[in-house]
């Protein structure tokens, strides 16, 4: 059982706790943004699935003798932009190319500058504070 944290998770020499906390908070914000991005991709996929179901309903309405409703769905809803000029793939691309990319780049730059690029230094410190040294299931690392 390894009793010391991995070097890539130790607080670099000369870095104070307040800096580790601040960088940790920024990383946590990025993690939340990653979750938001996942929800955006889920929205993208669900909207596409919904559009395919509208198409199926249009065909079923035609087959059931309701061509006027099928035509209306086809012209007013099926394939419609979800935002002005955009399908969901365009929203995803704009988000990825803009906000998400800038956020990732800045978070990495802050970590590189302030904690020698080390990730999860704050969490590694918490693990050290919370684990029971010498007990099974409480090793510092694999």
C-alpha atoms as a PDB file:
ATOM      1  CA  UNK A   1       0.000   0.000   0.000  1.00  0.00           C
ATOM      2  CA  UNK A   2       1.433   3.354  -1.050  1.00  0.00           C
ATOM      3  CA  UNK A   3       1.310   5.909   1.734  1.00  0.00           C
ATOM      4  CA  UNK A   4       2.371   9.038  -0.096  1.00  0.00           C
ATOM      5  CA  UNK A   5       0.430  10.966  -2.712  1.00  0.00           C
ATOM      6  CA  UNK A   6       1.605  10.884  -6.304  1.00  0.00           C
ATOM      7  CA  UNK A   7       4.017  13.765  -6.997  1.00  0.00           C
ATOM      8  CA  UNK A   8       1.731  15.184  -9.696  1.00  0.00           C
ATOM      9  CA  UNK A   9      -0.922  15.767  -7.027  1.00  0.00           C
ATOM     10  CA  UNK A  10       1.273  17.293  -4.327  1.00  0.00           C
ATOM     11  CA  UNK A  11       1.233  21.027  -3.691  1.00  0.00           C
ATOM     12  CA  UNK A  12       4.258  22.523  -5.456  1.00  0.00           C
ATOM     13  CA  UNK A  13       6.857  24.160  -3.239  1.00  0.00           C
ATOM     14  CA  UNK A  14       6.060  27.781  -2.504  1.00  0.00           C
ATOM     15  CA  UNK A  15       2.359  27.525  -3.378  1.00  0.00           C
ATOM     16  CA  UNK A  16       0.103  28.561  -0.513  1.00  0.00           C
ATOM     17  CA  UNK A  17      -3.240  27.099   0.473  1.00  0.00           C
ATOM     18  CA  UNK A  18      -5.190  30.133  -0.721  1.00  0.00           C
ATOM     19  CA  UNK A  19      -3.763  29.710  -4.219  1.00  0.00           C
ATOM     20  CA  UNK A  20      -4.551  26.004  -4.207  1.00  0.00           C
ATOM     21  CA  UNK A  21      -8.111  26.803  -3.109  1.00  0.00           C
ATOM     22  CA  UNK A  22      -8.541  29.455  -5.814  1.00  0.00           C
ATOM     23  CA  UNK A  23      -7.235  27.181  -8.563  1.00  0.00           C
ATOM     24  CA  UNK A  24      -9.381  24.366  -7.203  1.00  0.00           C
ATOM     25  CA  UNK A  25     -12.460  26.610  -7.365  1.00  0.00           C
ATOM     26  CA  UNK A  26     -11.689  27.495 -10.988  1.00  0.00           C
ATOM     27  CA  UNK A  27     -11.243  23.817 -11.840  1.00  0.00           C
ATOM     28  CA  UNK A  28     -14.561  23.047 -10.135  1.00  0.00           C
ATOM     29  CA  UNK A  29     -16.181  25.762 -12.268  1.00  0.00           C
ATOM     30  CA  UNK A  30     -14.717  24.108 -15.382  1.00  0.00           C
ATOM     31  CA  UNK A  31     -16.064  20.736 -14.236  1.00  0.00           C
ATOM     32  CA  UNK A  32     -19.515  22.318 -13.917  1.00  0.00           C
ATOM     33  CA  UNK A  33     -19.136  23.758 -17.408  1.00  0.00           C
ATOM     34  CA  UNK A  34     -18.210  20.279 -18.659  1.00  0.00           C
ATOM     35  CA  UNK A  35     -21.461  19.002 -17.163  1.00  0.00           C
ATOM     36  CA  UNK A  36     -23.352  21.842 -18.857  1.00  0.00           C
ATOM     37  CA  UNK A  37     -21.698  20.883 -22.140  1.00  0.00           C
ATOM     38  CA  UNK A  38     -22.904  17.323 -21.664  1.00  0.00           C
ATOM     39  CA  UNK A  39     -26.420  18.618 -21.165  1.00  0.00           C
ATOM     40  CA  UNK A  40     -26.065  20.708 -24.311  1.00  0.00           C
ATOM     41  CA  UNK A  41     -25.091  17.584 -26.257  1.00  0.00           C
ATOM     42  CA  UNK A  42     -28.038  15.747 -24.698  1.00  0.00           C
ATOM     43  CA  UNK A  43     -30.300  18.610 -25.811  1.00  0.00           C
ATOM     44  CA  UNK A  44     -28.809  18.345 -29.310  1.00  0.00           C
ATOM     45  CA  UNK A  45     -29.484  14.606 -29.476  1.00  0.00           C
ATOM     46  CA  UNK A  46     -32.950  14.822 -27.933  1.00  0.00           C
ATOM     47  CA  UNK A  47     -33.994  17.620 -30.286  1.00  0.00           C
ATOM     48  CA  UNK A  48     -32.848  15.520 -33.245  1.00  0.00           C
ATOM     49  CA  UNK A  49     -34.726  12.495 -31.948  1.00  0.00           C
ATOM     50  CA  UNK A  50     -37.828  14.601 -31.497  1.00  0.00           C
ATOM     51  CA  UNK A  51     -37.582  15.893 -35.060  1.00  0.00           C
ATOM     52  CA  UNK A  52     -37.380  12.306 -36.355  1.00  0.00           C
ATOM     53  CA  UNK A  53     -40.486  11.426 -34.336  1.00  0.00           C
ATOM     54  CA  UNK A  54     -42.332  14.402 -35.808  1.00  0.00           C
ATOM     55  CA  UNK A  55     -41.419  13.025 -39.231  1.00  0.00           C
ATOM     56  CA  UNK A  56     -42.822   9.615 -38.264  1.00  0.00           C
ATOM     57  CA  UNK A  57     -46.012  11.260 -36.988  1.00  0.00           C
ATOM     58  CA  UNK A  58     -46.355  13.148 -40.284  1.00  0.00           C
ATOM     59  CA  UNK A  59     -46.253   9.869 -42.219  1.00  0.00           C
ATOM     60  CA  UNK A  60     -48.685   8.219 -39.842  1.00  0.00           C
ATOM     61  CA  UNK A  61     -51.101  11.148 -40.099  1.00  0.00           C
ATOM     62  CA  UNK A  62     -50.982  10.958 -43.898  1.00  0.00           C
ATOM     63  CA  UNK A  63     -51.554   7.202 -43.785  1.00  0.00           C
ATOM     64  CA  UNK A  64     -54.471   7.734 -41.389  1.00  0.00           C
ATOM     65  CA  UNK A  65     -56.138  10.146 -43.781  1.00  0.00           C
ATOM     66  CA  UNK A  66     -55.081  13.464 -42.209  1.00  0.00           C
ATOM     67  CA  UNK A  67     -52.881  15.029 -44.895  1.00  0.00           C
ATOM     68  CA  UNK A  68     -53.644  18.605 -43.827  1.00  0.00           C
ATOM     69  CA  UNK A  69     -52.152  17.996 -40.378  1.00  0.00           C
ATOM     70  CA  UNK A  70     -49.183  16.162 -41.872  1.00  0.00           C
ATOM     71  CA  UNK A  71     -48.579  19.059 -44.250  1.00  0.00           C
ATOM     72  CA  UNK A  72     -48.802  21.596 -41.455  1.00  0.00           C
ATOM     73  CA  UNK A  73     -46.330  19.692 -39.298  1.00  0.00           C
ATOM     74  CA  UNK A  74     -44.011  19.396 -42.285  1.00  0.00           C
ATOM     75  CA  UNK A  75     -44.068  23.092 -43.140  1.00  0.00           C
ATOM     76  CA  UNK A  76     -44.254  24.617 -39.658  1.00  0.00           C
ATOM     77  CA  UNK A  77     -42.298  22.260 -37.379  1.00  0.00           C
ATOM     78  CA  UNK A  78     -40.295  19.492 -39.057  1.00  0.00           C
ATOM     79  CA  UNK A  79     -36.723  20.631 -39.672  1.00  0.00           C
ATOM     80  CA  UNK A  80     -37.349  24.006 -38.052  1.00  0.00           C
ATOM     81  CA  UNK A  81     -34.480  25.969 -36.511  1.00  0.00           C
ATOM     82  CA  UNK A  82     -34.519  25.728 -32.712  1.00  0.00           C
ATOM     83  CA  UNK A  83     -32.982  29.206 -32.484  1.00  0.00           C
ATOM     84  CA  UNK A  84     -32.873  31.876 -35.157  1.00  0.00           C
ATOM     85  CA  UNK A  85     -30.870  30.424 -38.040  1.00  0.00           C
ATOM     86  CA  UNK A  86     -29.585  27.478 -36.010  1.00  0.00           C
ATOM     87  CA  UNK A  87     -30.132  23.814 -35.626  1.00  0.00           C
ATOM     88  CA  UNK A  88     -28.739  22.314 -32.442  1.00  0.00           C
ATOM     89  CA  UNK A  89     -25.477  21.158 -34.054  1.00  0.00           C
ATOM     90  CA  UNK A  90     -24.696  24.805 -34.788  1.00  0.00           C
ATOM     91  CA  UNK A  91     -25.356  25.752 -31.164  1.00  0.00           C
ATOM     92  CA  UNK A  92     -23.039  22.974 -29.989  1.00  0.00           C
ATOM     93  CA  UNK A  93     -20.307  24.043 -32.403  1.00  0.00           C
ATOM     94  CA  UNK A  94     -20.565  27.695 -31.412  1.00  0.00           C
ATOM     95  CA  UNK A  95     -20.428  26.801 -27.712  1.00  0.00           C
ATOM     96  CA  UNK A  96     -17.465  24.471 -28.228  1.00  0.00           C
ATOM     97  CA  UNK A  97     -15.518  26.909 -30.397  1.00  0.00           C
ATOM     98  CA  UNK A  98     -16.198  29.870 -28.118  1.00  0.00           C
ATOM     99  CA  UNK A  99     -16.985  29.737 -24.421  1.00  0.00           C
ATOM    100  CA  UNK A 100     -15.937  26.135 -23.715  1.00  0.00           C
ATOM    101  CA  UNK A 101     -12.595  26.436 -25.519  1.00  0.00           C
ATOM    102  CA  UNK A 102     -11.732  29.740 -23.842  1.00  0.00           C
ATOM    103  CA  UNK A 103     -12.693  28.343 -20.423  1.00  0.00           C
ATOM    104  CA  UNK A 104     -10.523  25.234 -20.861  1.00  0.00           C
ATOM    105  CA  UNK A 105      -7.571  27.273 -22.105  1.00  0.00           C
ATOM    106  CA  UNK A 106      -7.761  29.762 -19.232  1.00  0.00           C
ATOM    107  CA  UNK A 107      -8.175  27.087 -16.562  1.00  0.00           C
ATOM    108  CA  UNK A 108      -5.114  25.247 -17.925  1.00  0.00           C
ATOM    109  CA  UNK A 109      -3.103  28.487 -18.104  1.00  0.00           C
ATOM    110  CA  UNK A 110      -3.958  29.342 -14.483  1.00  0.00           C
ATOM    111  CA  UNK A 111      -2.949  25.840 -13.363  1.00  0.00           C
ATOM    112  CA  UNK A 112       0.260  25.992 -15.408  1.00  0.00           C
ATOM    113  CA  UNK A 113       1.204  29.349 -13.908  1.00  0.00           C
ATOM    114  CA  UNK A 114       0.147  28.840 -10.299  1.00  0.00           C
ATOM    115  CA  UNK A 115       0.377  25.093  -9.535  1.00  0.00           C
ATOM    116  CA  UNK A 116       2.962  23.876 -12.060  1.00  0.00           C
ATOM    117  CA  UNK A 117       0.159  22.500 -14.223  1.00  0.00           C
ATOM    118  CA  UNK A 118      -0.838  20.004 -11.557  1.00  0.00           C
ATOM    119  CA  UNK A 119      -4.454  18.940 -11.550  1.00  0.00           C
ATOM    120  CA  UNK A 120      -6.672  18.353  -8.537  1.00  0.00           C
ATOM    121  CA  UNK A 121      -4.101  19.545  -5.989  1.00  0.00           C
ATOM    122  CA  UNK A 122      -6.894  20.729  -3.683  1.00  0.00           C
ATOM    123  CA  UNK A 123      -8.740  17.405  -3.893  1.00  0.00           C
ATOM    124  CA  UNK A 124      -5.518  15.465  -3.325  1.00  0.00           C
ATOM    125  CA  UNK A 125      -4.969  17.515  -0.168  1.00  0.00           C
ATOM    126  CA  UNK A 126      -8.510  16.754   0.956  1.00  0.00           C
ATOM    127  CA  UNK A 127      -7.900  13.061   0.356  1.00  0.00           C
ATOM    128  CA  UNK A 128      -4.798  13.198   2.539  1.00  0.00           C
ATOM    129  CA  UNK A 129      -6.756  14.958   5.278  1.00  0.00           C
ATOM    130  CA  UNK A 130      -9.696  12.517   5.129  1.00  0.00           C
ATOM    131  CA  UNK A 131      -8.152   9.114   4.576  1.00  0.00           C
ATOM    132  CA  UNK A 132      -7.122   6.759   7.376  1.00  0.00           C
ATOM    133  CA  UNK A 133      -3.451   6.011   6.854  1.00  0.00           C
ATOM    134  CA  UNK A 134      -2.551   2.330   6.894  1.00  0.00           C
ATOM    135  CA  UNK A 135      -6.113   1.046   6.499  1.00  0.00           C
ATOM    136  CA  UNK A 136      -7.328  -1.010   3.520  1.00  0.00           C
ATOM    137  CA  UNK A 137      -9.211   1.085   1.001  1.00  0.00           C
ATOM    138  CA  UNK A 138      -7.413   4.247   2.140  1.00  0.00           C
ATOM    139  CA  UNK A 139      -4.171   4.089   0.104  1.00  0.00           C
ATOM    140  CA  UNK A 140      -2.790   7.355  -1.205  1.00  0.00           C
ATOM    141  CA  UNK A 141      -2.636   5.986  -4.752  1.00  0.00           C
ATOM    142  CA  UNK A 142      -3.008   2.734  -6.700  1.00  0.00           C
END
